[in-house]
Amino acid sequence: MPLFGEFLIRDMRSEDIDRVVELEKEIFDSPWNAELFRHELRNFDRTIYLVAEKNGRVQAYMGAQVLDAEIHVTNMAVEPSARRAGLGSALLLECISRSLDRGARWLTLEVRRGNDEALEFYRTFSFEELGLRHGYYTDTGEDAIIMATGDIRSDDFTDTVKSIRGGLDSRLDGGEC
C-alpha cells in the first residue's frame, strides 16, 4: 500500500463507507448514499475505489469504473481541511497506476461546468475537454464537461505523471504535506 507523507493510500473497504458518505454530504449538493458505494465495492473486479487515511481517519477518497480499456472516474473528494496537500493528486496517481495494471488506455470523467478548480486539476493530468452533457446534474440542471486523457501508455502521458509525482515528492521532502 503506497504512502503519501503521513497518509496511507489504500483500497476502500466497507467499514469506510459511513465516513465516505459523511464527506459526500459535506462536500456535494447531491451526495451518493451508502448503498451506491456498497454496490461499487461489491463489484471490485469492475471498479477502483481508494481512500487516503491518516491516523485511521479517511480524509479523501476517489472511485472509478473499469470499462475495458477505459477507466471512468466517478467521484473524488478531499476533506476541506486537508485540501491543497496533494491528496487528490496522490489518489489519481494511484488510480492511474492501477488502471495501467488492468490494461487501460485512457481515463474519462465529467465535471460540473462551473467547477473551475476541478477543471484545472484534471487539466494538469492532461485531461482534455471532449464535449458537454447538457443538464447532466439533476440537482441544479448544470451541464457537465466531458473530459478524457489521451493514451495513458504514451510517452507524453508517462512524462506528465512522472512530473506530477516528482512535484509531490519534492513537496513531501520539503515538509509541505
Protein backbone atom coordinates (compact mmCIF):
# COMPACT_ATOMS: atom_id res chain seq x y z
CA MET A 1 0.00 0.00 0.00
CA PRO A 2 1.52 3.31 -1.02
CA LEU A 3 2.23 6.05 1.46
CA PHE A 4 1.88 9.72 0.71
CA GLY A 5 3.56 11.60 3.52
CA GLU A 6 1.58 10.66 6.62
CA PHE A 7 -1.31 9.35 4.50
CA LEU A 8 -1.90 5.74 3.58
CA ILE A 9 -3.47 5.27 0.15
CA ARG A 10 -5.41 2.00 0.14
CA ASP A 11 -8.47 0.23 -1.22
CA MET A 12 -11.77 1.47 0.16
CA ARG A 13 -13.39 -1.09 2.47
CA SER A 14 -16.99 -1.48 3.56
CA GLU A 15 -16.14 -0.10 7.00
CA ASP A 16 -15.06 3.17 5.29
CA ILE A 17 -18.47 3.81 3.75
CA ASP A 18 -20.00 5.75 6.65
CA ARG A 19 -17.05 8.18 6.66
CA VAL A 20 -17.08 8.46 2.88
CA VAL A 21 -20.81 9.29 2.93
CA GLU A 22 -20.08 11.95 5.60
CA LEU A 23 -17.58 13.53 3.20
CA GLU A 24 -20.07 13.28 0.34
CA LYS A 25 -22.70 15.13 2.37
CA GLU A 26 -20.21 17.77 3.48
CA ILE A 27 -18.89 18.47 0.00
CA PHE A 28 -21.58 17.74 -2.59
CA ASP A 29 -25.09 19.08 -3.10
CA SER A 30 -26.23 15.67 -4.41
CA PRO A 31 -24.22 13.16 -2.40
CA TRP A 32 -24.04 9.47 -3.13
CA ASN A 33 -25.65 7.29 -0.49
CA ALA A 34 -24.11 4.32 1.29
CA GLU A 35 -25.87 1.79 -0.93
CA LEU A 36 -24.26 3.23 -4.07
CA PHE A 37 -20.82 2.80 -2.51
CA ARG A 38 -21.68 -0.70 -1.30
CA HIS A 39 -22.73 -1.61 -4.83
CA GLU A 40 -19.47 -0.29 -6.26
CA LEU A 41 -17.38 -2.18 -3.70
CA ARG A 42 -19.27 -5.43 -4.36
CA ASN A 43 -18.20 -5.07 -8.00
CA PHE A 44 -14.49 -4.70 -7.15
CA ASP A 45 -13.50 -6.52 -10.34
CA ARG A 46 -15.01 -3.62 -12.32
CA THR A 47 -14.09 -0.73 -10.03
CA ILE A 48 -11.21 1.06 -8.37
CA TYR A 49 -12.12 2.70 -5.06
CA LEU A 50 -9.37 4.24 -2.95
CA VAL A 51 -9.11 6.19 0.28
CA ALA A 52 -6.40 8.32 1.85
CA GLU A 53 -6.28 7.89 5.61
CA LYS A 54 -4.21 9.45 8.33
CA ASN A 55 -4.20 8.11 11.89
CA GLY A 56 -7.03 5.75 10.96
CA ARG A 57 -9.33 8.52 9.64
CA VAL A 58 -10.35 8.68 5.98
CA GLN A 59 -9.71 12.20 4.70
CA ALA A 60 -10.11 11.68 0.97
CA TYR A 61 -11.42 9.13 -1.50
CA MET A 62 -11.92 8.51 -5.17
CA GLY A 63 -13.72 5.97 -7.29
CA ALA A 64 -13.64 4.77 -10.86
CA GLN A 65 -15.32 2.17 -13.02
CA VAL A 66 -13.29 -0.18 -15.21
CA LEU A 67 -14.83 -0.32 -18.68
CA ASP A 68 -12.38 -2.45 -20.67
CA ALA A 69 -9.71 -0.03 -21.94
CA GLU A 70 -11.44 2.95 -20.29
CA ILE A 71 -11.33 3.92 -16.63
CA HIS A 72 -14.23 6.25 -15.84
CA VAL A 73 -13.60 8.39 -12.75
CA THR A 74 -16.93 8.60 -10.93
CA ASN A 75 -16.11 10.64 -7.85
CA MET A 76 -13.36 12.20 -5.80
CA ALA A 77 -13.44 14.26 -2.62
CA VAL A 78 -10.94 15.62 -0.13
CA GLU A 79 -11.90 16.80 3.33
CA PRO A 80 -11.81 20.61 3.22
CA SER A 81 -9.19 20.85 5.99
CA ALA A 82 -6.89 18.50 4.03
CA ARG A 83 -7.12 20.24 0.66
CA ARG A 84 -4.10 21.60 -1.18
CA ALA A 85 -1.90 18.92 0.39
CA GLY A 86 -1.71 16.80 -2.76
CA LEU A 87 -4.17 14.09 -1.68
CA GLY A 88 -6.27 14.36 -4.83
CA SER A 89 -3.14 14.03 -6.94
CA ALA A 90 -1.88 11.09 -4.88
CA LEU A 91 -5.22 9.29 -5.26
CA LEU A 92 -5.38 9.93 -9.00
CA LEU A 93 -1.78 8.78 -9.46
CA GLU A 94 -2.59 5.53 -7.67
CA CYS A 95 -5.72 5.13 -9.79
CA ILE A 96 -3.63 5.61 -12.93
CA SER A 97 -1.14 3.01 -11.73
CA ARG A 98 -3.93 0.51 -11.10
CA SER A 99 -5.52 1.41 -14.43
CA LEU A 100 -2.30 0.55 -16.22
CA ASP A 101 -2.19 -2.77 -14.34
CA ARG A 102 -5.69 -3.52 -15.64
CA GLY A 103 -4.74 -2.79 -19.23
CA ALA A 104 -6.49 0.57 -19.55
CA ARG A 105 -5.63 3.00 -22.33
CA TRP A 106 -7.39 6.18 -21.18
CA LEU A 107 -9.41 7.82 -18.39
CA THR A 108 -12.68 9.72 -18.69
CA LEU A 109 -14.88 11.75 -16.35
CA GLU A 110 -17.47 14.50 -16.13
CA VAL A 111 -17.02 17.78 -14.27
CA ARG A 112 -19.60 20.43 -13.46
CA ARG A 113 -19.23 23.24 -15.95
CA GLY A 114 -18.80 25.76 -13.12
CA ASN A 115 -16.22 23.77 -11.14
CA ASP A 116 -13.13 25.68 -12.24
CA GLU A 117 -10.95 24.18 -9.50
CA ALA A 118 -11.68 20.60 -10.64
CA LEU A 119 -11.28 21.51 -14.32
CA GLU A 120 -7.84 22.97 -13.66
CA PHE A 121 -6.86 19.98 -11.52
CA TYR A 122 -7.75 17.49 -14.25
CA ARG A 123 -6.06 19.57 -16.94
CA THR A 124 -2.76 19.18 -15.05
CA PHE A 125 -3.19 15.42 -15.61
CA SER A 126 -3.63 16.02 -19.36
CA PHE A 127 -7.41 15.60 -19.39
CA GLU A 128 -8.92 17.46 -22.31
CA GLU A 129 -12.47 18.66 -22.85
CA LEU A 130 -14.34 16.49 -25.35
CA GLY A 131 -17.86 17.81 -25.13
CA LEU A 132 -20.80 18.78 -23.00
CA ARG A 133 -23.69 16.88 -21.40
CA HIS A 134 -26.48 19.43 -21.18
CA GLY A 135 -28.41 19.39 -17.89
CA TYR A 136 -26.40 16.39 -16.66
CA TYR A 137 -26.59 17.26 -12.97
CA THR A 138 -30.18 16.75 -11.94
CA ASP A 139 -29.88 18.73 -8.69
CA THR A 140 -29.16 22.01 -10.50
CA GLY A 141 -29.58 21.25 -14.19
CA GLU A 142 -25.94 22.26 -14.65
CA ASP A 143 -24.05 20.99 -17.66
CA ALA A 144 -21.20 18.53 -17.35
CA ILE A 145 -17.98 18.87 -19.29
CA ILE A 146 -16.80 15.50 -20.60
CA MET A 147 -13.05 15.10 -20.21
CA ALA A 148 -10.60 12.38 -21.22
CA THR A 149 -6.91 11.70 -21.30
CA GLY A 150 -5.08 10.56 -24.35
CA ASP A 151 -3.33 7.21 -24.25
CA ILE A 152 -2.08 6.74 -20.68
CA ARG A 153 0.61 4.40 -22.02
CA SER A 154 2.10 7.08 -24.26
CA ASP A 155 5.47 8.66 -23.54
CA ASP A 156 3.84 12.09 -23.20
CA PHE A 157 1.37 10.91 -20.56
CA THR A 158 4.07 8.95 -18.74
CA ASP A 159 6.19 12.12 -18.64
CA THR A 160 3.23 14.09 -17.23
CA VAL A 161 2.70 11.50 -14.49
CA LYS A 162 6.42 11.48 -13.63
CA SER A 163 6.43 15.27 -13.42
CA ILE A 164 3.37 15.35 -11.12
CA ARG A 165 4.80 12.56 -8.96
CA GLY A 166 8.14 14.39 -8.77
CA GLY A 167 6.39 17.59 -7.71
CA LEU A 168 4.56 15.76 -4.95
CA ASP A 169 7.74 14.03 -3.82
CA SER A 170 9.57 17.36 -3.60
CA ARG A 171 6.69 18.86 -1.58
CA LEU A 172 6.93 15.94 0.83
CA ASP A 173 10.71 16.29 1.07
CA GLY A 174 10.21 19.97 1.82
CA GLY A 175 7.75 19.19 4.58
CA GLU A 176 4.77 20.87 2.93
CA CYS A 177 2.35 17.95 3.27
